[in-house]
């Protein structure tokens, strides 16, 4: 199950940034999520208007 969270973080970062995320960033965010830290991503400029 540990790999599933890391894979999900990796996929989310790839979709959000449209590029390959550095492994250290994926690992850092995965660790924060495991500890229950809230992560806010300002995505308003990344969302297309419907």
N, C-alpha and C. Protein backbone atom coordinates (compact mmCIF):
# COMPACT_ATOMS: atom_id res chain seq x y z
N UNK A 1 0.82 -1.21 0.00
CA UNK A 1 0.00 0.00 0.00
C UNK A 1 0.86 1.26 0.00
N UNK A 2 2.05 1.17 0.52
CA UNK A 2 2.94 2.33 0.57
C UNK A 2 3.20 2.88 -0.83
N UNK A 3 3.40 1.99 -1.79
CA UNK A 3 3.66 2.43 -3.15
C UNK A 3 2.48 3.09 -3.82
N UNK A 4 1.27 2.71 -3.42
CA UNK A 4 0.08 3.30 -4.03
C UNK A 4 -0.02 4.79 -3.75
N UNK A 5 0.27 5.20 -2.53
CA UNK A 5 0.21 6.61 -2.18
C UNK A 5 1.26 7.39 -2.96
N UNK A 6 2.49 6.87 -2.99
CA UNK A 6 3.57 7.55 -3.71
C UNK A 6 3.23 7.65 -5.21
N UNK A 7 2.69 6.58 -5.78
CA UNK A 7 2.29 6.60 -7.19
C UNK A 7 1.21 7.65 -7.44
N UNK A 8 0.25 7.74 -6.52
CA UNK A 8 -0.82 8.73 -6.66
C UNK A 8 -0.29 10.15 -6.58
N UNK A 9 0.65 10.38 -5.66
CA UNK A 9 1.27 11.72 -5.54
C UNK A 9 2.03 12.04 -6.82
N UNK A 10 2.76 11.08 -7.34
CA UNK A 10 3.52 11.28 -8.57
C UNK A 10 2.60 11.65 -9.74
N UNK A 11 1.51 10.90 -9.88
CA UNK A 11 0.57 11.16 -10.97
C UNK A 11 -0.09 12.54 -10.82
N UNK A 12 -0.45 12.89 -9.58
CA UNK A 12 -1.08 14.19 -9.36
C UNK A 12 -0.13 15.33 -9.69
N UNK A 13 1.12 15.20 -9.28
CA UNK A 13 2.10 16.24 -9.60
C UNK A 13 2.33 16.35 -11.10
N UNK A 14 2.38 15.21 -11.77
CA UNK A 14 2.58 15.24 -13.23
C UNK A 14 1.43 15.94 -13.93
N UNK A 15 0.21 15.65 -13.48
CA UNK A 15 -0.96 16.32 -14.09
C UNK A 15 -0.97 17.81 -13.77
N UNK A 16 -0.61 18.13 -12.54
CA UNK A 16 -0.67 19.52 -12.10
C UNK A 16 0.41 20.38 -12.77
N UNK A 17 1.62 19.85 -12.86
CA UNK A 17 2.74 20.65 -13.40
C UNK A 17 2.98 20.41 -14.88
N UNK A 18 2.38 19.36 -15.45
CA UNK A 18 2.59 19.00 -16.85
C UNK A 18 4.05 18.65 -17.15
N UNK A 19 4.78 18.18 -16.14
CA UNK A 19 6.16 17.73 -16.33
C UNK A 19 6.49 16.66 -15.30
N UNK A 20 7.62 16.02 -15.48
CA UNK A 20 8.06 14.96 -14.57
C UNK A 20 8.50 15.57 -13.24
N UNK A 21 7.84 15.23 -12.13
CA UNK A 21 8.24 15.80 -10.84
C UNK A 21 9.51 15.15 -10.30
N UNK A 22 10.35 15.92 -9.61
CA UNK A 22 11.55 15.34 -9.01
C UNK A 22 11.16 14.33 -7.92
N UNK A 23 11.92 13.25 -7.82
CA UNK A 23 11.63 12.19 -6.84
C UNK A 23 11.63 12.75 -5.42
N UNK A 24 12.51 13.70 -5.12
CA UNK A 24 12.56 14.26 -3.77
C UNK A 24 11.26 15.00 -3.43
N UNK A 25 10.66 15.66 -4.40
CA UNK A 25 9.39 16.37 -4.18
C UNK A 25 8.26 15.37 -3.94
N UNK A 26 8.24 14.29 -4.72
CA UNK A 26 7.22 13.26 -4.55
C UNK A 26 7.36 12.64 -3.16
N UNK A 27 8.58 12.30 -2.77
CA UNK A 27 8.81 11.68 -1.46
C UNK A 27 8.44 12.62 -0.32
N UNK A 28 8.76 13.89 -0.47
CA UNK A 28 8.46 14.88 0.57
C UNK A 28 6.95 15.04 0.75
N UNK A 29 6.22 15.18 -0.35
CA UNK A 29 4.77 15.32 -0.26
C UNK A 29 4.11 14.05 0.26
N UNK A 30 4.62 12.90 -0.14
CA UNK A 30 4.09 11.63 0.35
C UNK A 30 4.25 11.53 1.86
N UNK A 31 5.41 11.93 2.36
CA UNK A 31 5.66 11.90 3.81
C UNK A 31 4.73 12.84 4.55
N UNK A 32 4.49 14.02 4.00
CA UNK A 32 3.58 14.98 4.63
C UNK A 32 2.15 14.41 4.70
N UNK A 33 1.71 13.79 3.63
CA UNK A 33 0.37 13.22 3.59
C UNK A 33 0.25 12.10 4.63
N UNK A 34 1.28 11.27 4.73
CA UNK A 34 1.24 10.19 5.72
C UNK A 34 1.13 10.73 7.14
N UNK A 35 1.73 11.89 7.39
CA UNK A 35 1.68 12.49 8.72
C UNK A 35 0.38 13.26 8.94
N UNK A 36 -0.43 13.40 7.90
CA UNK A 36 -1.71 14.07 8.04
C UNK A 36 -1.64 15.58 7.88
N UNK A 37 -0.56 16.07 7.28
CA UNK A 37 -0.40 17.50 7.06
C UNK A 37 -1.25 17.91 5.85
N UNK A 38 -1.99 18.99 6.00
CA UNK A 38 -2.82 19.50 4.90
C UNK A 38 -1.92 20.19 3.89
N UNK A 39 -2.13 19.89 2.63
CA UNK A 39 -1.33 20.48 1.55
C UNK A 39 -2.28 21.27 0.66
N UNK A 40 -2.04 22.57 0.55
CA UNK A 40 -2.84 23.43 -0.31
C UNK A 40 -2.05 23.73 -1.58
N UNK A 41 -2.65 23.46 -2.72
CA UNK A 41 -2.05 23.78 -4.01
C UNK A 41 -2.88 24.87 -4.66
N UNK A 42 -2.30 26.05 -4.86
CA UNK A 42 -3.06 27.12 -5.54
C UNK A 42 -3.21 26.74 -7.03
N UNK A 43 -4.36 26.20 -7.35
CA UNK A 43 -4.56 25.67 -8.70
C UNK A 43 -5.42 26.55 -9.59
N UNK A 44 -5.81 27.69 -9.12
CA UNK A 44 -6.74 28.51 -9.90
C UNK A 44 -6.18 28.88 -11.26
N UNK A 45 -4.87 29.10 -11.38
CA UNK A 45 -4.29 29.45 -12.67
C UNK A 45 -4.09 28.24 -13.55
N UNK A 46 -4.24 27.03 -13.00
CA UNK A 46 -4.04 25.80 -13.75
C UNK A 46 -5.34 25.20 -14.27
N UNK A 47 -6.47 25.70 -13.79
CA UNK A 47 -7.75 25.14 -14.17
C UNK A 47 -8.30 25.86 -15.41
N UNK A 48 -8.76 25.07 -16.33
CA UNK A 48 -9.35 25.69 -17.52
C UNK A 48 -10.76 26.15 -17.20
N UNK A 49 -11.19 27.16 -17.86
CA UNK A 49 -12.55 27.67 -17.66
C UNK A 49 -13.52 26.80 -18.43
N UNK A 50 -14.62 26.45 -17.79
CA UNK A 50 -15.61 25.59 -18.46
C UNK A 50 -16.68 26.43 -19.10
